[in-house]
Amino acid sequence: MLPGMAHASQSPPSSIAARLEDCIFAIKKRVAIEPRVGVVLGSGLGEFADSLDGLVKIPYGDLPHMAAPGVDGHPGNFCFGRAGGVPVVCMQGRLHLYEGHPVERVVQGVRIMGRLGARAILLTNAAGGLEPTWHPGDLMLVTDHLNLSGVSPLVGPDDGTLGPRFPDMTAAYDPELRASLQAVARAAGIPLREGVYAGLLGPQYETPAEVRMLRMLGAHAVGMSTVQEVIALRHMGVRVGALSCITNLAAGSSGHPLSHAEVEATARSRRAQLVTLLTGWIQRVGGA
């Protein structure tokens, strides 16, 4: 037996739940709102949180066991307030695996939102489009995903306080939440595509050969986030929806080199549509 193995085997199954409770305790000392709905705001999409009524911001770095994002377009705040009269919590930016964080740290934010009482959570992201006929600025409702990162937040000792050992992912993206977003988009006249999101590790963009592979696998958009958050939330029994802003066409499709600045600029250009969609969705899902 290698040194340290006996000690490791005698340790508690997981301290994840304890770390979550530490964060929740710190949050409740600063804000009284009990959110019904949660929203994760991806690259260039964080401005929505600034429009919340009665906004209270808590930087991730102010909370125990939380790290601040190191990527432009991800300010790193929990934002509490109301949208359309519904109490909501937003994550203004997220952590990514490619920043070097362990996966349990990457999904800690969404787990906190679930433990705070958010009964449905919408994840947003900036993604590369794999369909040649799509355009930067298109919005895509995620119907399913391919986890090609090689990482799951459920790997490791089982902690039954969070959820079952083998959670079902047949309907990872809740059909009712998707229908609510479709209804809001139709009423507002906002085109909304649908498709499968492929989650890769990053941080490099995909090669043209990888793009061809992803198309063959049935993906419509590709990014570097979201799938681990979905797995963690479904493990906890929280209903999940996801919305991608197609901020660029994937490698070999756009005719010019890809850049993060382009991703952020395109996402910001859809701010008005996103505010309409998110506010309407929150009212439909979080209304009493």
C-alpha atoms as a PDB file:
ATOM      1  CA  MET A   1       0.000   0.000   0.000  1.00  0.00           C
ATOM      2  CA  LEU A   2       1.345   3.401  -0.951  1.00  0.00           C
ATOM      3  CA  PRO A   3       1.934   6.022   1.754  1.00  0.00           C
ATOM      4  CA  GLY A   4      -1.219   7.964   2.523  1.00  0.00           C
ATOM      5  CA  MET A   5      -3.655   5.428   1.065  1.00  0.00           C
ATOM      6  CA  ALA A   6      -4.893   4.159   4.434  1.00  0.00           C
ATOM      7  CA  HIS A   7      -5.532   7.697   5.633  1.00  0.00           C
ATOM      8  CA  ALA A   8      -7.438   8.533   2.429  1.00  0.00           C
ATOM      9  CA  SER A   9      -9.663   5.470   2.785  1.00  0.00           C
ATOM     10  CA  GLN A  10     -10.655   6.533   6.288  1.00  0.00           C
ATOM     11  CA  SER A  11     -11.685  10.081   5.333  1.00  0.00           C
ATOM     12  CA  PRO A  12     -15.378  11.075   4.965  1.00  0.00           C
ATOM     13  CA  PRO A  13     -16.982  10.247   1.589  1.00  0.00           C
ATOM     14  CA  SER A  14     -17.083  13.925   0.619  1.00  0.00           C
ATOM     15  CA  SER A  15     -16.819  17.397   2.077  1.00  0.00           C
ATOM     16  CA  ILE A  16     -18.713  18.932  -0.851  1.00  0.00           C
ATOM     17  CA  ALA A  17     -21.948  19.289   1.125  1.00  0.00           C
ATOM     18  CA  ALA A  18     -20.104  20.940   4.014  1.00  0.00           C
ATOM     19  CA  ARG A  19     -18.476  23.460   1.663  1.00  0.00           C
ATOM     20  CA  LEU A  20     -21.852  24.252   0.144  1.00  0.00           C
ATOM     21  CA  GLU A  21     -23.339  24.901   3.575  1.00  0.00           C
ATOM     22  CA  ASP A  22     -20.446  27.220   4.452  1.00  0.00           C
ATOM     23  CA  CYS A  23     -21.181  29.303   1.343  1.00  0.00           C
ATOM     24  CA  ILE A  24     -24.930  29.344   1.929  1.00  0.00           C
ATOM     25  CA  PHE A  25     -24.429  30.459   5.524  1.00  0.00           C
ATOM     26  CA  ALA A  26     -22.237  33.352   4.322  1.00  0.00           C
ATOM     27  CA  ILE A  27     -24.769  34.328   1.621  1.00  0.00           C
ATOM     28  CA  LYS A  28     -27.738  34.348   3.989  1.00  0.00           C
ATOM     29  CA  LYS A  29     -25.931  36.770   6.277  1.00  0.00           C
ATOM     30  CA  ARG A  30     -25.882  39.295   3.404  1.00  0.00           C
ATOM     31  CA  VAL A  31     -29.140  38.746   1.522  1.00  0.00           C
ATOM     32  CA  ALA A  32     -32.656  37.748   2.610  1.00  0.00           C
ATOM     33  CA  ILE A  33     -34.146  36.859  -0.784  1.00  0.00           C
ATOM     34  CA  GLU A  34     -35.090  33.222  -1.375  1.00  0.00           C
ATOM     35  CA  PRO A  35     -34.698  32.644  -5.122  1.00  0.00           C
ATOM     36  CA  ARG A  36     -37.226  30.568  -7.031  1.00  0.00           C
ATOM     37  CA  VAL A  37     -35.204  30.578 -10.256  1.00  0.00           C
ATOM     38  CA  GLY A  38     -31.518  30.685 -11.145  1.00  0.00           C
ATOM     39  CA  VAL A  39     -29.676  31.876 -14.254  1.00  0.00           C
ATOM     40  CA  VAL A  40     -26.018  31.340 -15.176  1.00  0.00           C
ATOM     41  CA  LEU A  41     -24.713  34.115 -17.438  1.00  0.00           C
ATOM     42  CA  GLY A  42     -21.897  33.128 -19.800  1.00  0.00           C
ATOM     43  CA  SER A  43     -19.287  35.087 -21.768  1.00  0.00           C
ATOM     44  CA  GLY A  44     -20.462  38.612 -22.578  1.00  0.00           C
ATOM     45  CA  LEU A  45     -23.951  37.958 -21.153  1.00  0.00           C
ATOM     46  CA  GLY A  46     -23.485  39.146 -17.578  1.00  0.00           C
ATOM     47  CA  GLU A  47     -25.181  42.523 -18.021  1.00  0.00           C
ATOM     48  CA  PHE A  48     -28.608  40.938 -17.543  1.00  0.00           C
ATOM     49  CA  ALA A  49     -27.920  40.605 -13.828  1.00  0.00           C
ATOM     50  CA  ASP A  50     -27.366  44.357 -13.518  1.00  0.00           C
ATOM     51  CA  SER A  51     -31.017  44.915 -14.525  1.00  0.00           C
ATOM     52  CA  LEU A  52     -32.445  43.026 -11.523  1.00  0.00           C
ATOM     53  CA  ASP A  53     -34.706  45.014  -9.179  1.00  0.00           C
ATOM     54  CA  GLY A  54     -33.262  45.376  -5.686  1.00  0.00           C
ATOM     55  CA  LEU A  55     -29.912  44.037  -6.879  1.00  0.00           C
ATOM     56  CA  VAL A  56     -27.506  42.655  -4.279  1.00  0.00           C
ATOM     57  CA  LYS A  57     -24.093  41.476  -5.523  1.00  0.00           C
ATOM     58  CA  ILE A  58     -21.795  39.094  -3.702  1.00  0.00           C
ATOM     59  CA  PRO A  59     -18.409  38.495  -5.360  1.00  0.00           C
ATOM     60  CA  TYR A  60     -17.424  34.840  -5.482  1.00  0.00           C
ATOM     61  CA  GLY A  61     -14.158  35.742  -3.800  1.00  0.00           C
ATOM     62  CA  ASP A  62     -16.052  36.946  -0.714  1.00  0.00           C
ATOM     63  CA  LEU A  63     -17.380  33.448  -0.063  1.00  0.00           C
ATOM     64  CA  PRO A  64     -15.551  30.509   1.500  1.00  0.00           C
ATOM     65  CA  HIS A  65     -14.256  27.853  -0.900  1.00  0.00           C
ATOM     66  CA  MET A  66     -15.172  29.957  -3.978  1.00  0.00           C
ATOM     67  CA  ALA A  67     -12.714  31.236  -6.580  1.00  0.00           C
ATOM     68  CA  ALA A  68     -13.030  34.224  -8.893  1.00  0.00           C
ATOM     69  CA  PRO A  69     -13.075  33.544 -12.666  1.00  0.00           C
ATOM     70  CA  GLY A  70      -9.974  34.524 -14.589  1.00  0.00           C
ATOM     71  CA  VAL A  71     -11.625  34.990 -18.003  1.00  0.00           C
ATOM     72  CA  ASP A  72     -12.720  38.273 -19.612  1.00  0.00           C
ATOM     73  CA  GLY A  73     -16.499  38.608 -19.699  1.00  0.00           C
ATOM     74  CA  HIS A  74     -16.960  36.665 -16.438  1.00  0.00           C
ATOM     75  CA  PRO A  75     -17.105  39.211 -13.575  1.00  0.00           C
ATOM     76  CA  GLY A  76     -17.618  36.564 -10.895  1.00  0.00           C
ATOM     77  CA  ASN A  77     -20.629  37.617  -8.776  1.00  0.00           C
ATOM     78  CA  PHE A  78     -23.747  36.074  -7.328  1.00  0.00           C
ATOM     79  CA  CYS A  79     -26.529  38.574  -8.067  1.00  0.00           C
ATOM     80  CA  PHE A  80     -29.792  38.497  -6.134  1.00  0.00           C
ATOM     81  CA  GLY A  81     -32.922  40.461  -6.998  1.00  0.00           C
ATOM     82  CA  ARG A  82     -36.192  40.272  -8.867  1.00  0.00           C
ATOM     83  CA  ALA A  83     -36.981  39.952 -12.567  1.00  0.00           C
ATOM     84  CA  GLY A  84     -40.624  40.468 -13.509  1.00  0.00           C
ATOM     85  CA  GLY A  85     -41.427  40.264  -9.794  1.00  0.00           C
ATOM     86  CA  VAL A  86     -39.860  36.817  -9.389  1.00  0.00           C
ATOM     87  CA  PRO A  87     -37.029  36.362  -6.860  1.00  0.00           C
ATOM     88  CA  VAL A  88     -33.970  35.188  -8.763  1.00  0.00           C
ATOM     89  CA  VAL A  89     -30.281  34.456  -8.308  1.00  0.00           C
ATOM     90  CA  CYS A  90     -27.840  34.898 -11.175  1.00  0.00           C
ATOM     91  CA  MET A  91     -24.272  33.794 -11.555  1.00  0.00           C
ATOM     92  CA  GLN A  92     -22.514  36.645 -13.325  1.00  0.00           C
ATOM     93  CA  GLY A  93     -19.826  34.543 -14.949  1.00  0.00           C
ATOM     94  CA  ARG A  94     -18.604  31.012 -14.246  1.00  0.00           C
ATOM     95  CA  LEU A  95     -15.452  29.030 -13.639  1.00  0.00           C
ATOM     96  CA  HIS A  96     -14.055  26.754 -16.349  1.00  0.00           C
ATOM     97  CA  LEU A  97     -12.114  23.515 -16.252  1.00  0.00           C
ATOM     98  CA  TYR A  98      -9.463  24.991 -18.546  1.00  0.00           C
ATOM     99  CA  GLU A  99      -8.576  27.552 -15.868  1.00  0.00           C
ATOM    100  CA  GLY A 100      -7.175  24.655 -13.848  1.00  0.00           C
ATOM    101  CA  HIS A 101      -9.961  24.415 -11.266  1.00  0.00           C
ATOM    102  CA  PRO A 102     -11.045  20.967 -10.061  1.00  0.00           C
ATOM    103  CA  VAL A 103     -14.460  20.016 -11.374  1.00  0.00           C
ATOM    104  CA  GLU A 104     -16.122  20.235  -7.941  1.00  0.00           C
ATOM    105  CA  ARG A 105     -15.069  23.901  -7.798  1.00  0.00           C
ATOM    106  CA  VAL A 106     -16.376  24.527 -11.327  1.00  0.00           C
ATOM    107  CA  VAL A 107     -19.886  23.314 -10.407  1.00  0.00           C
ATOM    108  CA  GLN A 108     -19.972  24.698  -6.877  1.00  0.00           C
ATOM    109  CA  GLY A 109     -21.830  27.840  -7.948  1.00  0.00           C
ATOM    110  CA  VAL A 110     -24.761  26.018  -9.529  1.00  0.00           C
ATOM    111  CA  ARG A 111     -24.921  23.615  -6.613  1.00  0.00           C
ATOM    112  CA  ILE A 112     -25.205  26.616  -4.291  1.00  0.00           C
ATOM    113  CA  MET A 113     -28.101  27.990  -6.361  1.00  0.00           C
ATOM    114  CA  GLY A 114     -29.862  24.632  -6.101  1.00  0.00           C
ATOM    115  CA  ARG A 115     -29.314  24.454  -2.345  1.00  0.00           C
ATOM    116  CA  LEU A 116     -30.613  28.025  -1.967  1.00  0.00           C
ATOM    117  CA  GLY A 117     -33.956  26.828  -3.331  1.00  0.00           C
ATOM    118  CA  ALA A 118     -33.873  27.642  -7.059  1.00  0.00           C
ATOM    119  CA  ARG A 119     -36.289  25.079  -8.468  1.00  0.00           C
ATOM    120  CA  ALA A 120     -35.270  25.647 -12.083  1.00  0.00           C
ATOM    121  CA  ILE A 121     -31.999  26.963 -13.505  1.00  0.00           C
ATOM    122  CA  LEU A 122     -31.263  28.283 -16.985  1.00  0.00           C
ATOM    123  CA  LEU A 123     -27.661  28.065 -18.146  1.00  0.00           C
ATOM    124  CA  THR A 124     -26.465  30.411 -20.879  1.00  0.00           C
ATOM    125  CA  ASN A 125     -23.240  30.235 -22.830  1.00  0.00           C
ATOM    126  CA  ALA A 126     -21.402  31.589 -25.821  1.00  0.00           C
ATOM    127  CA  ALA A 127     -20.825  28.844 -28.384  1.00  0.00           C
ATOM    128  CA  GLY A 128     -19.318  28.213 -31.784  1.00  0.00           C
ATOM    129  CA  GLY A 129     -21.804  27.302 -34.490  1.00  0.00           C
ATOM    130  CA  LEU A 130     -21.271  24.047 -36.368  1.00  0.00           C
ATOM    131  CA  GLU A 131     -24.070  24.526 -38.902  1.00  0.00           C
ATOM    132  CA  PRO A 132     -22.768  26.305 -42.035  1.00  0.00           C
ATOM    133  CA  THR A 133     -26.121  28.052 -42.583  1.00  0.00           C
ATOM    134  CA  TRP A 134     -26.172  29.591 -39.080  1.00  0.00           C
ATOM    135  CA  HIS A 135     -24.870  33.067 -38.315  1.00  0.00           C
ATOM    136  CA  PRO A 136     -23.116  34.809 -35.417  1.00  0.00           C
ATOM    137  CA  GLY A 137     -25.801  36.158 -33.110  1.00  0.00           C
ATOM    138  CA  ASP A 138     -28.213  33.256 -33.580  1.00  0.00           C
ATOM    139  CA  LEU A 139     -29.721  31.880 -30.378  1.00  0.00           C
ATOM    140  CA  MET A 140     -29.959  28.125 -29.841  1.00  0.00           C
ATOM    141  CA  LEU A 141     -32.107  26.272 -27.315  1.00  0.00           C
ATOM    142  CA  VAL A 142     -30.061  23.293 -26.131  1.00  0.00           C
ATOM    143  CA  THR A 143     -31.939  20.002 -26.457  1.00  0.00           C
ATOM    144  CA  ASP A 144     -29.124  17.666 -25.400  1.00  0.00           C
ATOM    145  CA  HIS A 145     -25.365  17.556 -25.017  1.00  0.00           C
ATOM    146  CA  LEU A 146     -22.221  15.578 -25.745  1.00  0.00           C
ATOM    147  CA  ASN A 147     -19.764  15.592 -22.851  1.00  0.00           C
ATOM    148  CA  LEU A 148     -16.456  15.324 -24.697  1.00  0.00           C
ATOM    149  CA  SER A 149     -14.386  16.919 -21.937  1.00  0.00           C
ATOM    150  CA  GLY A 150     -13.624  13.575 -20.305  1.00  0.00           C
ATOM    151  CA  VAL A 151     -14.687  15.038 -16.941  1.00  0.00           C
ATOM    152  CA  SER A 152     -17.765  14.499 -14.757  1.00  0.00           C
ATOM    153  CA  PRO A 153     -18.504  16.230 -11.432  1.00  0.00           C
ATOM    154  CA  LEU A 154     -19.795  12.916 -10.082  1.00  0.00           C
ATOM    155  CA  VAL A 155     -16.478  11.053 -10.291  1.00  0.00           C
ATOM    156  CA  GLY A 156     -15.066  10.167  -6.898  1.00  0.00           C
ATOM    157  CA  PRO A 157     -16.492   9.074  -3.538  1.00  0.00           C
ATOM    158  CA  ASP A 158     -20.282   8.929  -3.497  1.00  0.00           C
ATOM    159  CA  ASP A 159     -22.093  11.530  -1.372  1.00  0.00           C
ATOM    160  CA  GLY A 160     -25.708  10.422  -1.108  1.00  0.00           C
ATOM    161  CA  THR A 161     -26.734  13.759   0.417  1.00  0.00           C
ATOM    162  CA  LEU A 162     -26.370  15.376  -3.018  1.00  0.00           C
ATOM    163  CA  GLY A 163     -28.113  12.786  -5.145  1.00  0.00           C
ATOM    164  CA  PRO A 164     -28.064   9.188  -6.440  1.00  0.00           C
ATOM    165  CA  ARG A 165     -24.877   7.442  -7.515  1.00  0.00           C
ATOM    166  CA  PHE A 166     -26.181   6.876 -11.062  1.00  0.00           C
ATOM    167  CA  PRO A 167     -28.512   9.755 -12.065  1.00  0.00           C
ATOM    168  CA  ASP A 168     -30.595   9.415 -15.212  1.00  0.00           C
ATOM    169  CA  MET A 169     -29.770  11.870 -18.009  1.00  0.00           C
ATOM    170  CA  THR A 170     -32.515  10.915 -20.466  1.00  0.00           C
ATOM    171  CA  ALA A 171     -34.167  14.324 -20.101  1.00  0.00           C
ATOM    172  CA  ALA A 172     -31.215  16.350 -18.848  1.00  0.00           C
ATOM    173  CA  TYR A 173     -32.710  19.475 -20.483  1.00  0.00           C
ATOM    174  CA  ASP A 174     -36.205  19.695 -19.035  1.00  0.00           C
ATOM    175  CA  PRO A 175     -38.917  19.582 -21.763  1.00  0.00           C
ATOM    176  CA  GLU A 176     -41.235  21.971 -19.883  1.00  0.00           C
ATOM    177  CA  LEU A 177     -38.491  24.544 -19.372  1.00  0.00           C
ATOM    178  CA  ARG A 178     -37.616  24.315 -23.063  1.00  0.00           C
ATOM    179  CA  ALA A 179     -41.274  24.767 -24.017  1.00  0.00           C
ATOM    180  CA  SER A 180     -41.479  27.863 -21.790  1.00  0.00           C
ATOM    181  CA  LEU A 181     -38.494  29.452 -23.525  1.00  0.00           C
ATOM    182  CA  GLN A 182     -39.926  28.598 -26.950  1.00  0.00           C
ATOM    183  CA  ALA A 183     -43.236  30.225 -26.002  1.00  0.00           C
ATOM    184  CA  VAL A 184     -41.518  33.418 -24.835  1.00  0.00           C
ATOM    185  CA  ALA A 185     -39.455  33.555 -28.041  1.00  0.00           C
ATOM    186  CA  ARG A 186     -42.536  33.110 -30.251  1.00  0.00           C
ATOM    187  CA  ALA A 187     -44.465  35.813 -28.415  1.00  0.00           C
ATOM    188  CA  ALA A 188     -41.552  38.231 -28.747  1.00  0.00           C
ATOM    189  CA  GLY A 189     -40.823  37.342 -32.376  1.00  0.00           C
ATOM    190  CA  ILE A 190     -37.300  36.188 -31.541  1.00  0.00           C
ATOM    191  CA  PRO A 191     -35.961  33.373 -33.748  1.00  0.00           C
ATOM    192  CA  LEU A 192     -34.762  30.456 -31.637  1.00  0.00           C
ATOM    193  CA  ARG A 193     -32.872  27.558 -33.117  1.00  0.00           C
ATOM    194  CA  GLU A 194     -32.567  24.167 -31.425  1.00  0.00           C
ATOM    195  CA  GLY A 195     -29.695  21.744 -31.239  1.00  0.00           C
ATOM    196  CA  VAL A 196     -27.137  19.623 -29.424  1.00  0.00           C
ATOM    197  CA  TYR A 197     -24.269  21.288 -27.530  1.00  0.00           C
ATOM    198  CA  ALA A 198     -20.848  19.636 -27.519  1.00  0.00           C
ATOM    199  CA  GLY A 199     -18.785  20.439 -24.440  1.00  0.00           C
ATOM    200  CA  LEU A 200     -14.993  20.268 -24.876  1.00  0.00           C
ATOM    201  CA  LEU A 201     -12.213  21.014 -22.419  1.00  0.00           C
ATOM    202  CA  GLY A 202     -10.520  23.934 -24.240  1.00  0.00           C
ATOM    203  CA  PRO A 203      -9.126  26.530 -23.941  1.00  0.00           C
ATOM    204  CA  GLN A 204      -7.967  26.231 -27.555  1.00  0.00           C
ATOM    205  CA  TYR A 205     -10.615  26.442 -30.245  1.00  0.00           C
ATOM    206  CA  GLU A 206     -11.349  23.338 -32.290  1.00  0.00           C
ATOM    207  CA  THR A 207      -9.411  22.296 -35.367  1.00  0.00           C
ATOM    208  CA  PRO A 208     -11.266  21.930 -38.687  1.00  0.00           C
ATOM    209  CA  ALA A 209     -10.954  18.135 -38.329  1.00  0.00           C
ATOM    210  CA  GLU A 210     -12.525  18.284 -34.866  1.00  0.00           C
ATOM    211  CA  VAL A 211     -15.350  20.413 -36.248  1.00  0.00           C
ATOM    212  CA  ARG A 212     -16.031  17.783 -38.914  1.00  0.00           C
ATOM    213  CA  MET A 213     -16.042  15.098 -36.214  1.00  0.00           C
ATOM    214  CA  LEU A 214     -18.507  17.053 -34.070  1.00  0.00           C
ATOM    215  CA  ARG A 215     -20.872  17.487 -37.007  1.00  0.00           C
ATOM    216  CA  MET A 216     -20.734  13.747 -37.670  1.00  0.00           C
ATOM    217  CA  LEU A 217     -21.602  13.113 -34.010  1.00  0.00           C
ATOM    218  CA  GLY A 218     -24.724  15.251 -34.323  1.00  0.00           C
ATOM    219  CA  ALA A 219     -23.631  18.441 -32.548  1.00  0.00           C
ATOM    220  CA  HIS A 220     -24.885  21.872 -33.640  1.00  0.00           C
ATOM    221  CA  ALA A 221     -22.780  24.062 -31.360  1.00  0.00           C
ATOM    222  CA  VAL A 222     -19.566  23.672 -29.391  1.00  0.00           C
ATOM    223  CA  GLY A 223     -18.251  25.304 -26.227  1.00  0.00           C
ATOM    224  CA  MET A 224     -16.156  24.883 -23.096  1.00  0.00           C
ATOM    225  CA  SER A 225     -18.729  24.968 -20.290  1.00  0.00           C
ATOM    226  CA  THR A 226     -22.270  23.995 -19.267  1.00  0.00           C
ATOM    227  CA  VAL A 227     -22.234  20.195 -19.426  1.00  0.00           C
ATOM    228  CA  GLN A 228     -20.644  19.673 -16.001  1.00  0.00           C
ATOM    229  CA  GLU A 229     -23.125  22.153 -14.504  1.00  0.00           C
ATOM    230  CA  VAL A 230     -26.039  20.280 -16.064  1.00  0.00           C
ATOM    231  CA  ILE A 231     -24.797  16.960 -14.692  1.00  0.00           C
ATOM    232  CA  ALA A 232     -24.335  18.399 -11.194  1.00  0.00           C
ATOM    233  CA  LEU A 233     -27.793  19.984 -11.163  1.00  0.00           C
ATOM    234  CA  ARG A 234     -29.613  16.938 -12.484  1.00  0.00           C
ATOM    235  CA  HIS A 235     -27.776  14.880  -9.890  1.00  0.00           C
ATOM    236  CA  MET A 236     -29.382  17.157  -7.268  1.00  0.00           C
ATOM    237  CA  GLY A 237     -32.818  16.887  -8.881  1.00  0.00           C
ATOM    238  CA  VAL A 238     -32.876  20.496 -10.106  1.00  0.00           C
ATOM    239  CA  ARG A 239     -34.653  21.158 -13.416  1.00  0.00           C
ATOM    240  CA  VAL A 240     -32.347  22.578 -16.097  1.00  0.00           C
ATOM    241  CA  GLY A 241     -32.608  24.491 -19.364  1.00  0.00           C
ATOM    242  CA  ALA A 242     -29.834  25.953 -21.503  1.00  0.00           C
ATOM    243  CA  LEU A 243     -29.494  28.659 -24.133  1.00  0.00           C
ATOM    244  CA  SER A 244     -26.490  29.190 -26.418  1.00  0.00           C
ATOM    245  CA  CYS A 245     -25.624  32.424 -28.158  1.00  0.00           C
ATOM    246  CA  ILE A 246     -23.837  31.460 -31.365  1.00  0.00           C
ATOM    247  CA  THR A 247     -21.059  34.022 -31.209  1.00  0.00           C
ATOM    248  CA  ASN A 248     -18.882  32.725 -34.042  1.00  0.00           C
ATOM    249  CA  LEU A 249     -18.749  29.991 -36.641  1.00  0.00           C
ATOM    250  CA  ALA A 250     -16.405  27.172 -35.718  1.00  0.00           C
ATOM    251  CA  ALA A 251     -12.917  26.769 -37.190  1.00  0.00           C
ATOM    252  CA  GLY A 252     -12.798  26.545 -40.955  1.00  0.00           C
ATOM    253  CA  SER A 253     -16.270  28.062 -41.398  1.00  0.00           C
ATOM    254  CA  SER A 254     -15.768  31.780 -40.799  1.00  0.00           C
ATOM    255  CA  GLY A 255     -12.824  32.503 -43.093  1.00  0.00           C
ATOM    256  CA  HIS A 256     -10.830  34.307 -40.366  1.00  0.00           C
ATOM    257  CA  PRO A 257      -9.077  33.399 -37.095  1.00  0.00           C
ATOM    258  CA  LEU A 258     -11.294  33.044 -34.027  1.00  0.00           C
ATOM    259  CA  SER A 259     -10.925  35.307 -30.994  1.00  0.00           C
ATOM    260  CA  HIS A 260     -12.482  35.701 -27.554  1.00  0.00           C
ATOM    261  CA  ALA A 261     -13.051  39.405 -28.260  1.00  0.00           C
ATOM    262  CA  GLU A 262     -15.339  38.425 -31.146  1.00  0.00           C
ATOM    263  CA  VAL A 263     -17.219  36.051 -28.825  1.00  0.00           C
ATOM    264  CA  GLU A 264     -17.827  38.771 -26.222  1.00  0.00           C
ATOM    265  CA  ALA A 265     -18.823  41.427 -28.773  1.00  0.00           C
ATOM    266  CA  THR A 266     -21.366  39.181 -30.501  1.00  0.00           C
ATOM    267  CA  ALA A 267     -22.908  38.105 -27.190  1.00  0.00           C
ATOM    268  CA  ARG A 268     -23.273  41.731 -26.075  1.00  0.00           C
ATOM    269  CA  SER A 269     -24.948  42.630 -29.387  1.00  0.00           C
ATOM    270  CA  ARG A 270     -27.833  40.303 -28.479  1.00  0.00           C
ATOM    271  CA  ARG A 271     -28.352  41.845 -25.046  1.00  0.00           C
ATOM    272  CA  ALA A 272     -31.853  43.220 -25.745  1.00  0.00           C
ATOM    273  CA  GLN A 273     -33.158  39.896 -27.065  1.00  0.00           C
ATOM    274  CA  LEU A 274     -31.570  38.001 -24.201  1.00  0.00           C
ATOM    275  CA  VAL A 275     -33.095  40.316 -21.585  1.00  0.00           C
ATOM    276  CA  THR A 276     -36.517  39.753 -23.164  1.00  0.00           C
ATOM    277  CA  LEU A 277     -36.076  35.980 -23.274  1.00  0.00           C
ATOM    278  CA  LEU A 278     -34.658  35.642 -19.789  1.00  0.00           C
ATOM    279  CA  THR A 279     -37.202  37.943 -18.143  1.00  0.00           C
ATOM    280  CA  GLY A 280     -40.136  36.237 -19.863  1.00  0.00           C
ATOM    281  CA  TRP A 281     -38.799  32.783 -19.038  1.00  0.00           C
ATOM    282  CA  ILE A 282     -38.278  33.684 -15.380  1.00  0.00           C
ATOM    283  CA  GLN A 283     -41.859  34.993 -15.117  1.00  0.00           C
ATOM    284  CA  ARG A 284     -43.336  31.851 -16.692  1.00  0.00           C
ATOM    285  CA  VAL A 285     -41.251  29.408 -14.674  1.00  0.00           C
ATOM    286  CA  GLY A 286     -41.005  31.263 -11.369  1.00  0.00           C
ATOM    287  CA  GLY A 287     -44.488  32.746 -11.163  1.00  0.00           C
ATOM    288  CA  ALA A 288     -46.575  31.618  -8.214  1.00  0.00           C
END
